[in-house]
């Protein structure tokens, strides 16, 4: 994908680790200038350093996406730093309240929706307004396989990710004629440091998850990032309003055991 994003500039939220970091690195490798955003100064600065060490251009702005004023500042800082906003990957998210809904603390519901759904809404709202000033752009949200199917003991997360898929469709209809595309990726089981640690401590459970995946393996953060880079690029100008499952076929149907 080298050169695919040459001359473009944008932002990635939640890019201090995981899929967000992998996406930021992939965008920079493809030639983009990237504003790194995360709630962690150390993690965000580390992503910037990795990009700069590889010869790319990046800057960092600390942002809690559940705070609209901080989102406004993030978008403004990106435009101030790079001169424009061509793309955005709204990736920041959390998963709280891992229990049946009857046992759930309402605070876990509130904070999950505030970060995942309201945060995505705030980002889209202000990204769109910045993009309209320069003739359009591309927005990619991080939904989830849990935004396509249901997931037990994850009601707030599942609700927020279903909502992101619907939000994506509505915005695609509102701004298509102004040159803005908006899509979501729906990651399935993806390898992260936490998953790798879990695999070592619970190998039988980990194997059970692998057995349920048509591909027989989890996706990598880099594979998720590749999908985002494509959707941000000019190659995807005719794709909008889509939630793309990047899950090795998991949401296609159930494997026969």
Foldseek 3Di string as FASTA:
>chain_A
DAQLQAPAEAEEAPCLFFLNLLLQLVNQRNHYEYEYEYQDPVSSVVSQVVSVVVVGHYHYDYAQLLDLVRLLVSLVVRCVVSVAHAEYEAEDADFDQQAAPVPGDVVRLVVRCSRLAVSVVSNVVNNQVRQLVVQEHEYEYEAAVLLVPPDGSGVSNSVSSVVVLVVQQVVCVVCLVSQYAYEYEHAYAEDGPVLVVCCVVPVVVNQVVLVFAPVSDHHYSNQVSVVVSCRRGPVNSVDHSYYHYPGNCNVVDTDDD
